[in-house]
Protein backbone atom coordinates (compact mmCIF):
# COMPACT_ATOMS: atom_id res chain seq x y z
CA MET A 1 92.42 81.65 74.20
CA ASN A 2 93.59 79.53 77.15
CA LEU A 3 96.14 76.75 77.62
CA GLN A 4 93.65 74.02 76.90
CA ASP A 5 93.11 75.62 73.39
CA MET A 6 96.84 75.37 72.63
CA MET A 7 97.12 71.78 73.92
CA VAL A 8 97.28 68.85 71.47
CA TYR A 9 94.58 66.25 71.78
CA ARG A 10 94.30 62.70 70.65
CA ASP A 11 91.98 63.54 67.73
CA ASP A 12 94.27 66.21 66.42
CA THR A 13 96.51 65.23 63.46
CA GLY A 14 99.47 66.59 65.37
CA ALA A 15 98.82 64.15 68.20
CA ARG A 16 99.72 61.25 65.98
CA THR A 17 103.07 63.07 65.26
CA VAL A 18 103.64 63.40 68.94
CA ASP A 19 102.61 59.92 69.93
CA ARG A 20 105.19 58.21 67.74
CA TYR A 21 107.93 59.54 70.09
CA LEU A 22 106.35 58.02 73.25
CA MET A 23 107.22 54.71 74.77
CA PRO A 24 104.31 52.22 75.01
CA TYR A 25 103.98 52.78 78.68
CA GLU A 26 104.06 56.55 78.51
CA GLY A 27 101.14 58.92 78.16
CA ARG A 28 101.14 62.61 77.27
CA VAL A 29 100.64 64.82 80.33
CA ILE A 30 101.40 68.12 78.50
CA ALA A 31 101.75 68.67 74.74
CA VAL A 32 101.77 72.22 73.45
CA ARG A 33 103.10 74.22 70.58
CA ARG A 34 105.27 77.24 71.03
CA HIS A 35 103.78 80.66 71.05
CA PRO A 36 103.09 82.08 67.54
CA ALA A 37 105.31 84.98 68.46
CA VAL A 38 108.16 82.72 67.33
CA LEU A 39 107.16 83.95 63.80
CA MET A 40 107.79 87.61 64.54
CA VAL A 41 111.06 87.86 62.74
CA PRO A 42 109.89 86.16 59.60
CA VAL A 43 106.83 88.30 59.46
CA GLY A 44 108.93 91.34 60.00
CA ALA A 45 111.20 90.29 57.20
CA VAL A 46 108.15 89.93 54.84
CA VAL A 47 106.72 93.30 55.81
CA GLY A 48 110.02 95.02 55.70
CA GLY A 49 110.86 93.51 52.29
CA LEU A 50 107.55 94.47 50.95
CA ILE A 51 108.14 98.10 51.94
CA VAL A 52 111.69 98.03 50.37
CA CYS A 53 110.42 96.36 47.17
CA VAL A 54 107.63 98.86 46.75
CA ALA A 55 110.02 101.87 47.31
CA ALA A 56 112.64 100.38 45.02
CA GLY A 57 110.05 99.64 42.33
CA VAL A 58 108.70 103.16 42.50
CA ILE A 59 111.99 104.97 42.68
CA SER A 60 114.16 103.03 40.24
CA GLY A 61 111.60 100.84 38.38
CA LEU A 62 113.56 97.61 39.12
CA LEU A 63 111.23 94.72 39.02
CA TRP A 64 113.83 92.04 39.88
CA VAL A 65 113.73 93.15 43.63
CA TRP A 66 110.41 91.34 43.84
CA TRP A 67 112.30 88.04 43.72
CA LEU A 68 114.04 88.98 47.00
CA TRP A 69 110.58 89.63 48.53
CA LEU A 70 109.41 86.23 47.35
CA ALA A 71 112.43 84.66 49.01
CA SER A 72 111.43 86.37 52.27
CA LEU A 73 107.87 85.10 51.79
CA GLY A 74 109.21 81.60 51.27
CA TYR A 75 111.19 81.91 54.50
CA LEU A 76 108.03 82.87 56.38
CA VAL A 77 106.14 79.89 54.94
CA TRP A 78 109.03 77.50 55.97
CA LYS A 79 109.02 78.86 59.43
CA ALA A 80 105.27 78.62 59.78
CA VAL A 81 105.36 74.97 58.71
CA ALA A 82 108.23 74.33 61.16
CA TRP A 83 106.29 76.03 63.91
CA SER A 84 103.20 73.86 63.18
CA LEU A 85 105.28 70.70 63.55
CA GLU A 86 107.11 71.68 66.69
CA PHE A 87 105.83 70.33 70.12
CA PHE A 88 106.89 70.66 73.70
CA LEU A 89 105.98 67.34 75.56
CA VAL A 90 105.96 66.34 79.16
CA THR A 91 105.12 62.78 79.99
CA GLU A 92 105.27 60.87 83.39
CA HIS A 93 108.98 60.13 82.61
CA ARG A 94 110.56 62.76 80.48
CA VAL A 95 110.42 66.29 78.91
CA MET A 96 110.83 66.48 75.16
CA LEU A 97 111.05 69.08 72.40
CA VAL A 98 110.21 67.69 68.93
CA SER A 99 111.14 70.00 66.01
CA GLY A 100 112.16 70.02 62.38
CA VAL A 101 110.40 69.76 59.02
CA LEU A 102 112.60 67.52 56.92
CA ASN A 103 114.95 66.30 59.61
CA ARG A 104 113.08 65.62 62.86
CA ASN A 105 114.96 66.47 66.06
CA VAL A 106 113.84 65.17 69.47
CA ALA A 107 115.70 66.77 72.45
CA MET A 108 114.87 64.85 75.58
CA MET A 109 115.52 65.04 79.38
CA PRO A 110 114.48 62.53 81.91
CA LEU A 111 112.30 63.94 84.64
CA ALA A 112 114.60 62.28 87.27
CA LYS A 113 117.43 64.41 85.98
CA VAL A 114 115.67 67.75 86.25
CA THR A 115 116.85 69.48 89.50
CA ASP A 116 115.32 72.89 88.77
CA ILE A 117 113.05 74.75 86.39
CA ALA A 118 112.94 78.60 85.93
CA LEU A 119 110.57 80.77 84.08
CA GLU A 120 112.09 83.87 82.34
CA ARG A 121 109.97 86.52 80.70
CA SER A 122 111.28 89.39 78.67
CA VAL A 123 109.39 92.68 78.32
CA ALA A 124 108.20 91.50 74.83
CA GLY A 125 107.23 88.09 76.31
CA ARG A 126 105.17 89.79 79.03
CA MET A 127 103.39 92.02 76.50
CA LEU A 128 102.65 89.13 73.95
CA GLY A 129 102.19 86.36 76.49
CA TYR A 130 105.11 83.98 76.15
CA GLY A 131 108.13 82.99 78.33
CA GLU A 132 111.22 80.87 78.33
CA PHE A 133 111.77 77.71 80.56
CA VAL A 134 115.34 77.11 81.72
CA MET A 135 115.83 73.69 83.04
CA GLU A 136 118.73 72.67 85.21
CA SER A 137 119.77 69.13 85.47
CA ALA A 138 122.01 66.89 87.35
CA GLY A 139 125.05 65.92 85.27
CA GLN A 140 126.53 67.10 82.07
CA LYS A 141 125.08 69.76 79.81
CA GLN A 142 121.77 68.55 78.40
CA ALA A 143 120.33 69.01 74.97
CA LEU A 144 117.12 70.37 76.45
CA ARG A 145 118.00 73.40 78.64
CA ASN A 146 116.27 76.45 77.21
CA VAL A 147 112.81 76.27 75.69
CA GLY A 148 111.71 79.65 74.45
CA PHE A 149 108.36 81.07 73.31
CA MET A 150 106.24 79.02 75.69
CA PRO A 151 102.58 80.04 75.58
CA TYR A 152 100.72 80.92 78.78
CA PRO A 153 104.01 80.68 80.68
CA GLU A 154 102.71 80.99 84.36
CA GLN A 155 100.09 78.31 84.02
CA LEU A 156 102.25 76.06 81.93
CA TYR A 157 105.14 76.57 84.44
CA LEU A 158 102.93 75.44 87.27
CA GLU A 159 101.75 72.37 85.38
CA VAL A 160 105.14 71.35 84.33
CA SER A 161 106.57 71.90 87.87
CA SER A 162 103.76 69.77 89.32
CA VAL A 163 104.69 66.96 86.97
CA ILE A 164 108.44 67.21 87.65
CA PHE A 165 108.38 67.72 91.24
CA GLY A 166 105.03 66.30 92.19
CA VAL A 167 101.93 67.72 93.88
CA THR A 168 101.29 67.26 97.49
CA ASP A 169 98.55 69.78 98.18
CA TRP A 170 97.23 72.69 96.12
CA SER A 171 95.02 74.05 98.95
CA PRO A 172 96.37 77.18 100.74
CA ASP A 173 95.61 75.69 104.16
């Protein structure tokens, strides 16, 4: 799976969700969901809860512990829905992170304010294929500083950098 497979296209239902946050003169340059590794903690809670519930059911015969496991399963479903509705957007004029299920949050930074962008990758990020963007800006602390769990981080980093800082020549000559 490459970056193009993770991108949101115009015929995608998520594209309509993304487009409502754009100005009439803006076009999407990059629109991508976060890496599915963002769901590792909820999946771990469901698997760990299942193990605990089976052990507690076998040892003590308590059946009410399954309600706790259902709660962790509900948490996983909620996080999966939130993940499916969250987008990282780059237009010609700004960088945005749209998130939230019931309450939509749009964190935005104008491209003119971005002075530097860094890519950080943990060991787990290198193994699973995600990274974190850290954006520095001119002025006060911005709402959009760290964007974690970005898929295909090197390729996406180059594409975002080319939009922010412009591309003069990609040839090695």
